Amino acid sequence: MQWRRGIRAGLAIACLMVSLHLLGRPTGWAAFGVLVALNVDNGGPYRSRFGNMMTVVAGGTLAIIIAAIASTSLPVAVVVTSLFCFSVTLARVVSQPLASGSASILICYFVSYGAAVHTPASVRSAILYFIAGGIWAAAFSLVFWPLDPFGPARNAVADIYAKLAGLPALPLEDSARFKDSVHQIRVLIEAAQGSLIAVPARMTARTVRARNLTVIVQAADLLFARLFRLAELGAHESMSEPELCQSAVKEVAEWLAASLKPIEAALRERPYDNAAAFVLEGSLIIEMRRGAKHIDTKTIANNSDGISTQLKAQLVAVERDCLLSLEVIYESIRALWTGVEPTTTGLRSIFSKPAPSSSSPQIWLETLRSNFTSRSIMFRHALRLGLVAAADLLLLRLIHITHSYWMPMTSIIVLQPYTGETWRKSGDRVAGTVSGAILAAGLAATMPSEAGIEAAGSPAAVPTIAAARGVFQRANENGLGNRNMTSVVLDFIEWPG
């Protein structure tokens, strides 16, 4: 998967750069647009992936404009840089696309600030080529060469539900087979958790698909406990009417098995209706609720069926817990394929009020307000990053070295909210930059002509990106392997335009 993603990124950049070179157009900003857009493509539903890429393109465009305005004088540049870095970093708490693309947006700011010319014409040209590169990256990633880094994890989670759906059908008398199935389910849950951790996507925890797959795994663990409880109720020796009680337990178990059956197929392949049947008013949830016969607590006091009140109360509790978990699973499956986060409605509204939409301005303002305090880790990190970026800007204006904007870019990438993460990313950054510099020097020595470098630069980036993703696996979570090595190559072929 890492090599395929690297080859895809290299080819996307190569195609665009070669085309622009043949047309006699500058290649730098367009290639940079491709790079930053692909850098935030974490896999998952097309909607969330497209949202991530367009967020970084829109934010990068704004950063280019603000940087050009800030370059008019040093005092203005220091103030604007500090405020912009603080605002973009704090905005990470608002939504997942901003959390994924904030670092790339800040990099766009410093690349624009470090450009040699800031005339209106040059800024317009940079914006147009940057947006064109981002749009090309989205088309290449979503249409021409889509990849699914979550495929193995989805199949691992589907294996759990395939085994869970068959567990109620096992006869309780066959204790050996039942215990063996219990052991296999536990192993499958652990394997699914490991598969989610190993997903080859940067910032996996921030993606819609990863979050909902994690929820589905956790719900499987809860359902597994409920199935085990049903088995205990069916084998209880103190029941006054064993046949009637076992029949009631079996009825609940069959309902649960039928409700679990659609989950496996929906995890392995995209449903033909785009998971519309899994919404709260969809056909599958309606059928599931209709089959939950013991959910009404009024049936507990009814003794006409010969089942004890105590057993009925326990069946109601089990069935209700299962129904809640199944609703969560069904909504999460819908989110897997559409990118629309689940909402708290339906039966669960008994316990909590419906939450506002994740894209609601109300929730954005509440989130920003709650984090706009010195007690917030993200607020302190944003403040620290803003001050460091302003200090870096002062230094790069004083030392006057070529490509001095790499200094604040490095601070943005390396500086993290926690000390341990900062040290780890510092090592990854050094390794990636040195490797990229060696490759860039090799290209310069073997292909001194401008046309030769432009023709070979992007194809050379193919093994570079792939090697970065494979060798620097620890950096994959934050995209340092991709950003460090390919950015050095693109910087070498003058991508700031």
Protein backbone atom coordinates (compact mmCIF):
# COMPACT_ATOMS: atom_id res chain seq x y z
CA MET A 1 0.00 0.00 0.00
CA GLN A 2 2.81 2.44 0.84
CA TRP A 3 4.50 1.82 -2.50
CA ARG A 4 1.24 2.22 -4.40
CA ARG A 5 0.54 5.51 -2.67
CA GLY A 6 4.07 6.69 -3.40
CA ILE A 7 3.85 5.70 -7.07
CA ARG A 8 0.46 7.38 -7.37
CA ALA A 9 1.78 10.65 -5.88
CA GLY A 10 4.86 10.59 -8.09
CA LEU A 11 2.86 9.98 -11.23
CA ALA A 12 0.34 12.69 -10.39
CA ILE A 13 3.15 15.22 -9.99
CA ALA A 14 5.00 13.92 -13.06
CA CYS A 15 2.00 14.14 -15.37
CA LEU A 16 1.24 17.72 -14.37
CA MET A 17 4.83 18.95 -14.46
CA VAL A 18 5.59 17.42 -17.85
CA SER A 19 2.38 18.84 -19.30
CA LEU A 20 3.11 22.33 -17.98
CA HIS A 21 6.72 22.16 -19.18
CA LEU A 22 5.60 21.24 -22.70
CA LEU A 23 3.24 24.22 -22.61
CA GLY A 24 6.01 26.50 -21.43
CA ARG A 25 4.32 27.19 -18.10
CA PRO A 26 5.85 27.33 -14.60
CA THR A 27 5.61 24.06 -12.72
CA GLY A 28 6.42 24.94 -9.11
CA TRP A 29 3.12 26.04 -7.60
CA ALA A 30 1.10 23.46 -9.52
CA ALA A 31 3.34 20.62 -8.31
CA PHE A 32 3.15 22.02 -4.79
CA GLY A 33 -0.66 22.04 -4.99
CA VAL A 34 -0.62 18.36 -5.95
CA LEU A 35 1.72 17.55 -3.08
CA VAL A 36 -0.25 19.26 -0.30
CA ALA A 37 -3.59 17.90 -1.56
CA LEU A 38 -2.34 14.31 -1.71
CA ASN A 39 -0.68 14.76 1.67
CA VAL A 40 -4.09 15.08 3.38
CA ASP A 41 -5.75 12.23 1.48
CA ASN A 42 -6.20 9.78 4.34
CA GLY A 43 -8.44 7.32 2.53
CA GLY A 44 -12.05 6.58 3.42
CA PRO A 45 -15.31 7.82 1.90
CA TYR A 46 -14.97 10.04 -1.16
CA ARG A 47 -16.87 12.81 0.56
CA SER A 48 -14.44 13.13 3.47
CA ARG A 49 -11.38 12.72 1.24
CA PHE A 50 -12.58 15.41 -1.16
CA GLY A 51 -13.41 17.64 1.81
CA ASN A 52 -9.89 17.24 3.21
CA MET A 53 -8.25 18.08 -0.10
CA MET A 54 -10.46 21.06 -0.88
CA THR A 55 -10.01 22.41 2.66
CA VAL A 56 -6.24 22.48 2.28
CA VAL A 57 -6.53 23.99 -1.22
CA ALA A 58 -8.87 26.75 0.04
CA GLY A 59 -6.77 27.33 3.14
CA GLY A 60 -3.56 27.31 1.12
CA THR A 61 -4.99 29.87 -1.29
CA LEU A 62 -5.90 32.15 1.62
CA ALA A 63 -2.41 31.64 3.07
CA ILE A 64 -0.77 32.67 -0.24
CA ILE A 65 -2.78 35.90 -0.31
CA ILE A 66 -2.15 36.79 3.36
CA ALA A 67 1.58 36.05 3.03
CA ALA A 68 1.85 38.32 0.01
CA ILE A 69 0.13 41.12 1.94
CA ALA A 70 2.29 40.53 5.03
CA SER A 71 5.51 40.79 3.04
CA THR A 72 5.13 44.57 2.64
CA SER A 73 7.03 45.33 5.86
CA LEU A 74 8.76 43.43 8.64
CA PRO A 75 6.58 44.67 11.57
CA VAL A 76 3.42 43.76 9.65
CA ALA A 77 4.90 40.39 8.71
CA VAL A 78 5.75 39.50 12.33
CA VAL A 79 2.28 40.37 13.65
CA VAL A 80 0.38 38.75 10.76
CA THR A 81 2.52 35.61 10.88
CA SER A 82 2.01 35.16 14.60
CA LEU A 83 -1.76 35.69 14.39
CA PHE A 84 -2.20 33.53 11.30
CA CYS A 85 -0.22 30.60 12.73
CA PHE A 86 -2.09 30.87 16.03
CA SER A 87 -5.50 30.98 14.32
CA VAL A 88 -4.87 28.10 11.91
CA THR A 89 -3.42 25.89 14.65
CA LEU A 90 -6.28 26.57 17.07
CA ALA A 91 -8.77 25.93 14.26
CA ARG A 92 -7.71 22.28 14.35
CA VAL A 93 -10.24 21.75 17.15
CA VAL A 94 -13.12 22.84 14.90
CA SER A 95 -13.25 20.06 12.32
CA GLN A 96 -11.38 17.02 11.03
CA PRO A 97 -10.43 18.56 7.63
CA LEU A 98 -8.79 21.53 9.39
CA ALA A 99 -7.02 19.20 11.78
CA SER A 100 -5.61 17.24 8.83
CA GLY A 101 -4.61 20.23 6.74
CA SER A 102 -3.51 22.92 9.21
CA ALA A 103 0.21 22.18 8.89
CA SER A 104 0.00 22.16 5.08
CA ILE A 105 -1.85 25.49 5.12
CA LEU A 106 0.89 27.05 7.24
CA ILE A 107 3.55 25.65 4.91
CA CYS A 108 1.76 27.35 2.01
CA TYR A 109 1.97 30.61 3.94
CA PHE A 110 5.73 30.44 4.37
CA VAL A 111 6.36 29.24 0.82
CA SER A 112 4.40 32.23 -0.43
CA TYR A 113 6.18 34.57 1.96
CA GLY A 114 9.56 33.25 0.82
CA ALA A 115 8.82 33.81 -2.87
CA ALA A 116 11.13 36.27 -4.61
CA VAL A 117 8.32 38.44 -6.04
CA HIS A 118 4.97 39.48 -4.56
CA THR A 119 3.46 41.50 -7.35
CA PRO A 120 -0.30 41.14 -7.96
CA ALA A 121 0.42 39.26 -11.18
CA SER A 122 2.78 36.77 -9.52
CA VAL A 123 0.32 36.17 -6.66
CA ARG A 124 -2.54 35.57 -9.10
CA SER A 125 -0.37 33.15 -11.07
CA ALA A 126 0.64 31.28 -7.91
CA ILE A 127 -2.99 30.97 -6.79
CA LEU A 128 -4.21 29.72 -10.17
CA TYR A 129 -1.49 27.10 -10.51
CA PHE A 130 -1.84 26.02 -6.88
CA ILE A 131 -5.61 25.53 -7.23
CA ALA A 132 -5.14 23.72 -10.55
CA GLY A 133 -2.66 21.38 -8.88
CA GLY A 134 -5.05 20.68 -6.00
CA ILE A 135 -7.95 19.95 -8.35
CA TRP A 136 -5.76 17.67 -10.45
CA ALA A 137 -4.65 15.82 -7.29
CA ALA A 138 -8.29 15.32 -6.22
CA ALA A 139 -9.25 14.01 -9.66
CA PHE A 140 -6.23 11.71 -9.84
CA SER A 141 -6.78 10.39 -6.31
CA LEU A 142 -10.55 9.93 -6.43
CA VAL A 143 -11.20 9.07 -10.09
CA PHE A 144 -8.14 7.81 -11.92
CA TRP A 145 -6.35 5.93 -9.14
CA PRO A 146 -8.43 5.46 -5.97
CA LEU A 147 -6.84 3.53 -3.11
CA ASP A 148 -8.46 2.03 -0.02
CA PRO A 149 -5.96 1.81 2.85
CA PHE A 150 -8.77 0.66 5.16
CA GLY A 151 -9.62 -2.45 3.11
CA PRO A 152 -7.70 -4.95 5.31
CA ALA A 153 -9.12 -3.36 8.48
CA ARG A 154 -12.69 -3.52 7.14
CA ASN A 155 -12.27 -7.21 6.29
CA ALA A 156 -10.82 -7.91 9.73
CA VAL A 157 -13.84 -6.28 11.39
CA ALA A 158 -16.17 -8.16 9.01
CA ASP A 159 -14.60 -11.45 10.18
CA ILE A 160 -15.73 -10.65 13.73
CA TYR A 161 -19.36 -10.20 12.70
CA ALA A 162 -19.31 -13.32 10.52
CA LYS A 163 -18.37 -15.30 13.62
CA LEU A 164 -20.73 -13.40 15.92
CA ALA A 165 -23.72 -14.04 13.64
CA GLY A 166 -23.10 -17.79 13.83
CA LEU A 167 -22.64 -17.95 17.59
CA PRO A 168 -26.37 -17.98 18.57
CA ALA A 169 -26.95 -20.96 16.27
CA LEU A 170 -24.56 -23.19 18.23
CA PRO A 171 -26.34 -25.68 20.53
CA LEU A 172 -25.61 -24.92 24.17
CA GLU A 173 -25.12 -28.62 24.82
CA ASP A 174 -22.05 -28.58 22.58
CA SER A 175 -19.89 -26.71 25.08
CA ALA A 176 -16.64 -27.52 23.28
CA ARG A 177 -17.71 -25.85 20.03
CA PHE A 178 -19.19 -22.92 21.91
CA LYS A 179 -15.99 -22.33 23.88
CA ASP A 180 -13.93 -22.67 20.73
CA SER A 181 -16.07 -20.03 19.00
CA VAL A 182 -15.75 -17.74 22.00
CA HIS A 183 -11.96 -18.04 21.80
CA GLN A 184 -11.96 -17.38 18.06
CA ILE A 185 -14.08 -14.23 18.49
CA ARG A 186 -11.69 -12.87 21.10
CA VAL A 187 -8.77 -13.49 18.75
CA LEU A 188 -10.61 -11.82 15.86
CA ILE A 189 -11.37 -8.72 17.97
CA GLU A 190 -7.69 -8.38 18.88
CA ALA A 191 -6.70 -8.91 15.24
CA ALA A 192 -9.13 -6.21 14.07
CA GLN A 193 -7.73 -3.76 16.60
CA GLY A 194 -4.21 -4.51 15.39
CA SER A 195 -5.29 -4.10 11.77
CA LEU A 196 -6.73 -0.65 12.53
CA ILE A 197 -3.47 0.41 14.15
CA ALA A 198 -1.53 -0.77 11.09
CA VAL A 199 -3.64 1.15 8.54
CA PRO A 200 -1.19 2.86 6.13
CA ALA A 201 -2.78 6.32 6.32
CA ARG A 202 -1.48 9.46 7.96
CA MET A 203 -3.34 10.71 11.05
CA THR A 204 -5.58 7.64 10.97
CA ALA A 205 -7.48 8.52 14.13
CA ARG A 206 -8.73 11.74 12.52
CA THR A 207 -10.49 10.00 9.63
CA VAL A 208 -14.21 9.23 9.52
CA ARG A 209 -13.58 5.66 8.46
CA ALA A 210 -11.07 4.88 11.21
CA ARG A 211 -13.27 6.35 13.94
CA ASN A 212 -16.32 4.41 12.86
CA LEU A 213 -14.43 1.15 12.36
CA THR A 214 -13.15 1.55 15.92
CA VAL A 215 -16.73 2.09 17.13
CA ILE A 216 -17.87 -1.04 15.28
CA VAL A 217 -15.12 -3.12 16.88
CA GLN A 218 -16.01 -1.83 20.34
CA ALA A 219 -19.69 -2.55 19.71
CA ALA A 220 -18.77 -6.09 18.65
CA ASP A 221 -17.13 -6.58 22.03
CA LEU A 222 -20.32 -5.40 23.78
CA LEU A 223 -22.54 -7.65 21.63
CA PHE A 224 -20.23 -10.55 22.34
CA ALA A 225 -20.79 -10.03 26.08
CA ARG A 226 -24.58 -9.91 25.54
CA LEU A 227 -24.49 -13.15 23.52
CA PHE A 228 -22.54 -14.78 26.31
CA ARG A 229 -25.19 -13.59 28.77
CA LEU A 230 -27.93 -15.09 26.62
CA ALA A 231 -26.10 -18.41 26.66
CA GLU A 232 -25.95 -18.25 30.45
CA LEU A 233 -29.68 -17.51 30.70
CA GLY A 234 -30.51 -20.40 28.39
CA ALA A 235 -28.42 -22.83 30.45
CA HIS A 236 -29.66 -21.65 33.86
CA GLU A 237 -30.68 -24.68 35.92
CA SER A 238 -33.04 -22.89 38.32
CA MET A 239 -35.68 -21.97 35.72
CA SER A 240 -39.21 -23.00 36.69
CA GLU A 241 -40.27 -23.70 33.09
CA PRO A 242 -37.06 -24.73 31.27
CA GLU A 243 -38.63 -25.27 27.85
CA LEU A 244 -40.55 -21.97 27.84
CA CYS A 245 -37.56 -20.04 29.14
CA GLN A 246 -35.15 -21.60 26.65
CA SER A 247 -37.61 -20.83 23.86
CA ALA A 248 -37.71 -17.16 24.91
CA VAL A 249 -33.90 -16.99 25.05
CA LYS A 250 -33.64 -18.68 21.66
CA GLU A 251 -36.08 -16.18 20.19
CA VAL A 252 -33.90 -13.28 21.31
CA ALA A 253 -30.76 -15.05 20.04
CA GLU A 254 -32.30 -15.63 16.61
CA TRP A 255 -33.37 -11.99 16.40
CA LEU A 256 -29.84 -10.90 17.25
CA ALA A 257 -28.30 -13.29 14.69
CA ALA A 258 -30.63 -11.97 11.98
CA SER A 259 -29.73 -8.37 12.88
CA LEU A 260 -26.01 -9.17 12.73
CA LYS A 261 -26.16 -10.89 9.35
CA PRO A 262 -26.20 -7.77 7.09
CA ILE A 263 -23.21 -6.23 8.85
CA GLU A 264 -20.52 -8.52 7.45
CA ALA A 265 -21.47 -7.98 3.79
CA ALA A 266 -21.77 -4.20 4.29
CA LEU A 267 -18.25 -4.09 5.73
CA ARG A 268 -16.64 -6.10 2.94
CA GLU A 269 -18.19 -4.29 -0.02
CA ARG A 270 -19.98 -0.99 -0.55
CA PRO A 271 -23.76 -1.68 -0.37
CA TYR A 272 -25.58 -1.19 -3.67
CA ASP A 273 -27.79 1.49 -2.08
CA ASN A 274 -24.77 3.31 -0.57
CA ALA A 275 -25.82 2.02 2.87
CA ALA A 276 -29.16 3.88 2.77
CA ALA A 277 -30.84 0.89 4.47
CA PHE A 278 -28.63 1.45 7.54
CA VAL A 279 -29.91 4.94 8.39
CA LEU A 280 -32.15 5.29 11.46
CA GLU A 281 -35.30 5.21 9.35
CA GLY A 282 -33.91 2.69 6.87
CA SER A 283 -35.43 -0.70 6.14
CA LEU A 284 -32.84 -2.69 8.12
CA ILE A 285 -33.26 -0.70 11.33
CA ILE A 286 -37.06 -0.76 11.01
CA GLU A 287 -36.96 -4.53 10.60
CA MET A 288 -34.56 -4.86 13.52
CA ARG A 289 -36.79 -2.83 15.85
CA ARG A 290 -39.85 -4.76 14.74
CA GLY A 291 -38.17 -8.02 15.70
CA ALA A 292 -37.25 -6.82 19.20
CA LYS A 293 -40.30 -8.28 20.96
CA HIS A 294 -39.09 -7.99 24.55
CA ILE A 295 -38.01 -4.36 24.39
CA ASP A 296 -41.29 -3.12 25.88
CA THR A 297 -40.85 -3.14 29.65
CA LYS A 298 -44.61 -3.55 30.10
CA THR A 299 -44.23 -7.21 29.16
CA ILE A 300 -42.27 -7.84 32.36
CA ALA A 301 -45.40 -7.71 34.52
CA ASN A 302 -47.34 -10.01 32.14
CA ASN A 303 -47.11 -13.58 33.47
CA SER A 304 -49.53 -15.15 31.00
CA ASP A 305 -46.72 -16.67 28.96
CA GLY A 306 -45.38 -18.69 31.91
CA ILE A 307 -41.97 -16.95 31.99
CA SER A 308 -40.78 -15.56 35.30
CA THR A 309 -40.62 -11.84 35.87
CA GLN A 310 -36.92 -12.08 36.74
CA LEU A 311 -36.02 -13.75 33.41
CA LYS A 312 -38.14 -11.26 31.47
CA ALA A 313 -36.35 -8.36 33.12
CA GLN A 314 -32.99 -9.83 32.14
CA LEU A 315 -34.14 -10.49 28.56
CA VAL A 316 -35.38 -6.89 28.30
CA ALA A 317 -32.01 -5.61 29.52
CA VAL A 318 -30.06 -7.80 27.07
CA GLU A 319 -32.30 -7.00 24.13
CA ARG A 320 -32.26 -3.30 24.86
CA ASP A 321 -28.46 -3.22 25.13
CA CYS A 322 -28.18 -5.14 21.86
CA LEU A 323 -30.59 -2.79 20.10
CA LEU A 324 -28.61 0.25 21.21
CA SER A 325 -25.34 -1.31 20.02
CA LEU A 326 -26.86 -2.38 16.71
CA GLU A 327 -28.16 1.12 16.05
CA VAL A 328 -24.66 2.47 16.64
CA ILE A 329 -23.19 -0.14 14.29
CA TYR A 330 -25.71 0.52 11.54
CA GLU A 331 -25.11 4.27 11.70
CA SER A 332 -21.35 3.73 11.67
CA ILE A 333 -21.63 1.55 8.56
CA ARG A 334 -23.54 4.35 6.89
CA ALA A 335 -20.75 6.76 7.87
CA LEU A 336 -18.08 4.40 6.50
CA TRP A 337 -19.40 4.74 2.97
CA THR A 338 -20.80 8.27 2.97
CA GLY A 339 -18.49 10.23 5.26
CA VAL A 340 -21.50 11.56 7.21
CA GLU A 341 -20.87 11.22 10.93
CA PRO A 342 -23.59 9.44 12.96
CA THR A 343 -26.01 11.49 15.07
CA THR A 344 -27.64 10.66 18.40
CA THR A 345 -31.29 10.10 17.53
CA GLY A 346 -33.87 7.34 17.46
CA LEU A 347 -33.99 5.04 20.45
CA ARG A 348 -30.86 6.64 21.96
CA SER A 349 -32.64 9.97 22.20
CA ILE A 350 -34.30 8.51 25.31
CA PHE A 351 -30.97 8.87 27.07
CA SER A 352 -29.61 12.05 25.46
CA LYS A 353 -30.74 14.96 23.36
CA PRO A 354 -29.83 14.98 19.68
CA ALA A 355 -26.44 16.57 19.17
CA PRO A 356 -26.03 19.39 16.68
CA SER A 357 -24.51 18.53 13.34
CA SER A 358 -20.71 18.33 13.28
CA SER A 359 -20.73 21.01 10.60
CA SER A 360 -23.01 23.33 12.55
CA PRO A 361 -21.63 26.84 13.24
CA GLN A 362 -23.01 26.47 16.74
CA ILE A 363 -20.75 23.52 17.51
CA TRP A 364 -17.79 25.31 15.90
CA LEU A 365 -18.22 28.35 18.10
CA GLU A 366 -18.75 26.25 21.22
CA THR A 367 -15.62 24.24 20.49
CA LEU A 368 -13.52 27.34 19.89
CA ARG A 369 -14.90 29.00 23.02
CA SER A 370 -14.15 25.97 25.18
CA ASN A 371 -10.56 25.81 23.87
CA PHE A 372 -9.87 29.55 24.07
CA THR A 373 -8.29 29.27 27.50
CA SER A 374 -4.80 28.72 28.87
CA ARG A 375 -6.01 25.40 30.29
CA SER A 376 -6.45 24.05 26.76
CA ILE A 377 -3.49 22.09 25.39
CA MET A 378 -4.30 23.16 21.83
CA PHE A 379 -4.52 26.85 22.86
CA ARG A 380 -1.08 26.69 24.46
CA HIS A 381 0.31 24.84 21.46
CA ALA A 382 -1.18 27.41 19.03
CA LEU A 383 0.23 30.28 21.08
CA ARG A 384 3.67 28.67 21.22
CA LEU A 385 3.64 27.94 17.49
CA GLY A 386 2.62 31.52 16.66
CA LEU A 387 5.49 32.94 18.72
CA VAL A 388 8.04 30.51 17.29
CA ALA A 389 6.93 31.24 13.72
CA ALA A 390 7.24 34.99 14.32
CA ALA A 391 10.74 34.51 15.75
CA ASP A 392 11.72 32.39 12.77
CA LEU A 393 10.45 35.11 10.44
CA LEU A 394 12.65 37.68 12.14
CA LEU A 395 15.67 35.41 11.79
CA LEU A 396 15.12 34.63 8.11
CA ARG A 397 14.87 38.37 7.36
CA LEU A 398 18.13 38.97 9.21
CA ILE A 399 20.30 36.15 7.83
CA HIS A 400 19.28 36.47 4.14
CA ILE A 401 20.08 32.89 3.08
CA THR A 402 18.61 31.08 0.08
CA HIS A 403 15.32 29.30 0.76
CA SER A 404 15.36 30.55 4.35
CA TYR A 405 11.63 29.80 4.67
CA TRP A 406 12.59 26.18 5.40
CA MET A 407 13.30 27.30 8.98
CA PRO A 408 9.72 28.27 9.96
CA MET A 409 8.39 25.35 7.89
CA THR A 410 10.52 22.99 9.97
CA SER A 411 9.24 24.55 13.19
CA ILE A 412 5.63 24.04 12.04
CA ILE A 413 6.19 20.41 11.18
CA VAL A 414 8.31 19.43 14.18
CA LEU A 415 6.71 21.41 17.01
CA GLN A 416 3.90 19.35 18.60
CA PRO A 417 1.66 19.75 21.66
CA TYR A 418 3.66 17.13 23.57
CA THR A 419 7.42 16.93 24.14
CA GLY A 420 7.71 13.24 23.20
CA GLU A 421 6.08 13.80 19.83
CA THR A 422 8.31 16.81 19.15
CA TRP A 423 11.49 14.79 19.76
CA ARG A 424 10.26 11.92 17.62
CA LYS A 425 9.33 14.15 14.70
CA SER A 426 12.63 15.99 14.97
CA GLY A 427 14.48 12.75 14.26
CA ASP A 428 12.15 11.85 11.41
CA ARG A 429 12.53 15.32 9.93
CA VAL A 430 16.34 15.15 9.93
CA ALA A 431 16.38 11.69 8.35
CA GLY A 432 13.88 12.64 5.65
CA THR A 433 15.58 15.92 4.79
CA VAL A 434 19.05 14.34 4.52
CA SER A 435 17.72 11.57 2.27
CA GLY A 436 15.91 14.05 0.06
CA ALA A 437 18.96 16.30 -0.15
CA ILE A 438 21.10 13.37 -1.30
CA LEU A 439 18.61 12.52 -4.02
CA ALA A 440 18.36 16.17 -5.10
CA ALA A 441 22.16 16.44 -5.29
CA GLY A 442 22.28 13.28 -7.38
CA LEU A 443 19.73 14.67 -9.82
CA ALA A 444 21.65 17.94 -10.10
CA ALA A 445 24.90 16.13 -10.83
CA THR A 446 23.50 13.71 -13.42
CA MET A 447 20.97 15.99 -15.15
CA PRO A 448 22.24 19.56 -15.10
CA SER A 449 19.86 20.90 -17.74
CA GLU A 450 16.54 22.43 -16.64
CA ALA A 451 14.49 20.28 -19.01
CA GLY A 452 16.21 17.11 -17.88
CA ILE A 453 15.62 17.88 -14.23
CA GLU A 454 11.94 18.72 -14.80
CA ALA A 455 11.45 15.53 -16.80
CA ALA A 456 13.19 13.33 -14.25
CA GLY A 457 12.32 15.13 -11.04
CA SER A 458 8.82 13.79 -10.60
CA PRO A 459 9.52 10.19 -11.72
CA ALA A 460 12.44 10.24 -9.31
CA ALA A 461 10.01 11.29 -6.61
CA VAL A 462 8.13 7.99 -7.08
CA PRO A 463 10.68 5.79 -5.27
CA THR A 464 11.42 8.71 -2.95
CA ILE A 465 7.86 9.00 -1.67
CA ALA A 466 7.43 5.23 -1.54
CA ALA A 467 10.71 4.75 0.30
CA ALA A 468 9.81 7.54 2.70
CA ARG A 469 6.51 5.89 3.52
CA GLY A 470 8.12 2.47 3.92
CA VAL A 471 11.43 3.24 5.61
CA PHE A 472 10.20 6.07 7.83
CA GLN A 473 7.12 4.17 8.96
CA ARG A 474 7.04 5.99 12.26
CA ALA A 475 6.69 9.27 10.40
CA ASN A 476 3.79 8.00 8.35
CA GLU A 477 1.22 9.05 10.95
CA ASN A 478 1.98 12.73 10.34
CA GLY A 479 3.14 12.49 6.74
CA LEU A 480 6.74 13.48 7.47
CA GLY A 481 8.13 10.84 5.15
CA ASN A 482 6.11 12.27 2.27
CA ARG A 483 6.59 15.91 3.18
CA ASN A 484 10.30 15.81 3.98
CA MET A 485 11.68 13.96 1.01
CA THR A 486 9.36 15.09 -1.77
CA SER A 487 9.40 18.70 -0.59
CA VAL A 488 13.18 18.73 -0.85
CA VAL A 489 12.99 17.40 -4.41
CA LEU A 490 10.33 19.92 -5.40
CA ASP A 491 12.27 22.70 -3.72
CA PHE A 492 15.30 21.72 -5.75
CA ILE A 493 13.36 22.08 -9.00
CA GLU A 494 12.16 25.51 -7.84
CA TRP A 495 8.57 24.66 -6.89
CA PRO A 496 7.92 27.97 -5.12
CA GLY A 497 7.49 29.38 -8.61
